[in-house]
Amino acid sequence: MRYPIPFYKVAIFFMLFDVEAAFIFSWAIAFRPLGWLGWFQITFFIFILIAGLVYIWLKGGLEWGPKPTRQ
């Protein structure tokens, strides 16, 4: 493989959070017309993203370096 696996992890996380930022910025522009329903929808969207990030963190997907070995 030409590039190490952590390189691809960083690239995928960057793409994911870049798309997330596009959704949040577009919501922020249309904040007033959307009202409370839009606020609840974006809150749910952010909650799902945070839940996914916590899941990846707990599964060890954010560990970049080599795993320590016991001696």
C-alpha atoms as a PDB file:
ATOM      1  CA  MET A   1       0.000   0.000   0.000  1.00  0.00           C
ATOM      2  CA  ARG A   2       1.356   3.387  -0.918  1.00  0.00           C
ATOM      3  CA  TYR A   3      -0.001   5.369   2.064  1.00  0.00           C
ATOM      4  CA  PRO A   4      -0.489   4.122   5.627  1.00  0.00           C
ATOM      5  CA  ILE A   5      -4.009   3.428   6.917  1.00  0.00           C
ATOM      6  CA  PRO A   6      -4.115   6.490   9.256  1.00  0.00           C
ATOM      7  CA  PHE A   7      -3.782   8.703   6.182  1.00  0.00           C
ATOM      8  CA  TYR A   8      -7.033   7.282   4.800  1.00  0.00           C
ATOM      9  CA  LYS A   9      -8.761   7.613   8.183  1.00  0.00           C
ATOM     10  CA  VAL A  10      -7.883  11.302   8.310  1.00  0.00           C
ATOM     11  CA  ALA A  11      -9.126  11.758   4.751  1.00  0.00           C
ATOM     12  CA  ILE A  12     -12.467  10.061   5.485  1.00  0.00           C
ATOM     13  CA  PHE A  13     -12.988  12.053   8.704  1.00  0.00           C
ATOM     14  CA  PHE A  14     -12.170  15.268   6.852  1.00  0.00           C
ATOM     15  CA  MET A  15     -14.735  14.479   4.145  1.00  0.00           C
ATOM     16  CA  LEU A  16     -17.368  13.554   6.728  1.00  0.00           C
ATOM     17  CA  PHE A  17     -16.960  16.719   8.769  1.00  0.00           C
ATOM     18  CA  ASP A  18     -16.660  18.876   5.660  1.00  0.00           C
ATOM     19  CA  VAL A  19     -20.079  17.669   4.471  1.00  0.00           C
ATOM     20  CA  GLU A  20     -21.440  18.137   7.984  1.00  0.00           C
ATOM     21  CA  ALA A  21     -20.213  21.724   8.004  1.00  0.00           C
ATOM     22  CA  ALA A  22     -21.948  22.378   4.664  1.00  0.00           C
ATOM     23  CA  PHE A  23     -25.271  21.183   6.112  1.00  0.00           C
ATOM     24  CA  ILE A  24     -24.876  23.231   9.282  1.00  0.00           C
ATOM     25  CA  PHE A  25     -23.897  26.402   7.403  1.00  0.00           C
ATOM     26  CA  SER A  26     -26.872  26.077   5.055  1.00  0.00           C
ATOM     27  CA  TRP A  27     -29.133  25.569   8.074  1.00  0.00           C
ATOM     28  CA  ALA A  28     -27.656  28.655   9.749  1.00  0.00           C
ATOM     29  CA  ILE A  29     -28.446  30.756   6.686  1.00  0.00           C
ATOM     30  CA  ALA A  30     -32.083  29.597   6.664  1.00  0.00           C
ATOM     31  CA  PHE A  31     -32.468  29.688  10.452  1.00  0.00           C
ATOM     32  CA  ARG A  32     -35.393  32.122  10.720  1.00  0.00           C
ATOM     33  CA  PRO A  33     -37.683  30.629   8.044  1.00  0.00           C
ATOM     34  CA  LEU A  34     -37.194  27.114   9.423  1.00  0.00           C
ATOM     35  CA  GLY A  35     -38.259  28.042  12.948  1.00  0.00           C
ATOM     36  CA  TRP A  36     -38.328  25.588  15.811  1.00  0.00           C
ATOM     37  CA  LEU A  37     -38.864  22.565  13.577  1.00  0.00           C
ATOM     38  CA  GLY A  38     -35.589  23.316  11.802  1.00  0.00           C
ATOM     39  CA  TRP A  39     -33.861  23.784  15.135  1.00  0.00           C
ATOM     40  CA  PHE A  40     -35.032  20.364  16.348  1.00  0.00           C
ATOM     41  CA  GLN A  41     -33.961  18.755  13.075  1.00  0.00           C
ATOM     42  CA  ILE A  42     -30.435  20.195  13.178  1.00  0.00           C
ATOM     43  CA  THR A  43     -30.155  19.262  16.861  1.00  0.00           C
ATOM     44  CA  PHE A  44     -31.097  15.678  15.971  1.00  0.00           C
ATOM     45  CA  PHE A  45     -28.581  15.729  13.095  1.00  0.00           C
ATOM     46  CA  ILE A  46     -25.774  16.939  15.369  1.00  0.00           C
ATOM     47  CA  PHE A  47     -26.746  14.391  18.043  1.00  0.00           C
ATOM     48  CA  ILE A  48     -26.495  11.544  15.507  1.00  0.00           C
ATOM     49  CA  LEU A  49     -23.072  12.804  14.380  1.00  0.00           C
ATOM     50  CA  ILE A  50     -21.828  13.033  17.963  1.00  0.00           C
ATOM     51  CA  ALA A  51     -23.185   9.553  18.738  1.00  0.00           C
ATOM     52  CA  GLY A  52     -21.318   8.197  15.696  1.00  0.00           C
ATOM     53  CA  LEU A  53     -18.116   9.937  16.762  1.00  0.00           C
ATOM     54  CA  VAL A  54     -18.404   8.511  20.297  1.00  0.00           C
ATOM     55  CA  TYR A  55     -19.017   5.033  18.856  1.00  0.00           C
ATOM     56  CA  ILE A  56     -15.919   5.275  16.652  1.00  0.00           C
ATOM     57  CA  TRP A  57     -13.912   6.585  19.606  1.00  0.00           C
ATOM     58  CA  LEU A  58     -15.009   3.722  21.878  1.00  0.00           C
ATOM     59  CA  LYS A  59     -14.229   1.135  19.178  1.00  0.00           C
ATOM     60  CA  GLY A  60     -10.683   2.530  18.860  1.00  0.00           C
ATOM     61  CA  GLY A  61     -11.107   4.063  15.423  1.00  0.00           C
ATOM     62  CA  LEU A  62      -9.348   7.245  16.508  1.00  0.00           C
ATOM     63  CA  GLU A  63      -6.162   5.518  17.646  1.00  0.00           C
ATOM     64  CA  TRP A  64      -3.489   6.697  15.228  1.00  0.00           C
ATOM     65  CA  GLY A  65      -0.262   5.261  16.570  1.00  0.00           C
ATOM     66  CA  PRO A  66       0.896   1.732  17.195  1.00  0.00           C
ATOM     67  CA  LYS A  67      -0.754  -0.096  20.033  1.00  0.00           C
ATOM     68  CA  PRO A  68       1.365  -0.440  23.162  1.00  0.00           C
ATOM     69  CA  THR A  69       2.520  -3.966  23.876  1.00  0.00           C
ATOM     70  CA  ARG A  70       2.664  -5.541  27.305  1.00  0.00           C
ATOM     71  CA  GLN A  71       5.932  -6.983  28.473  1.00  0.00           C
END
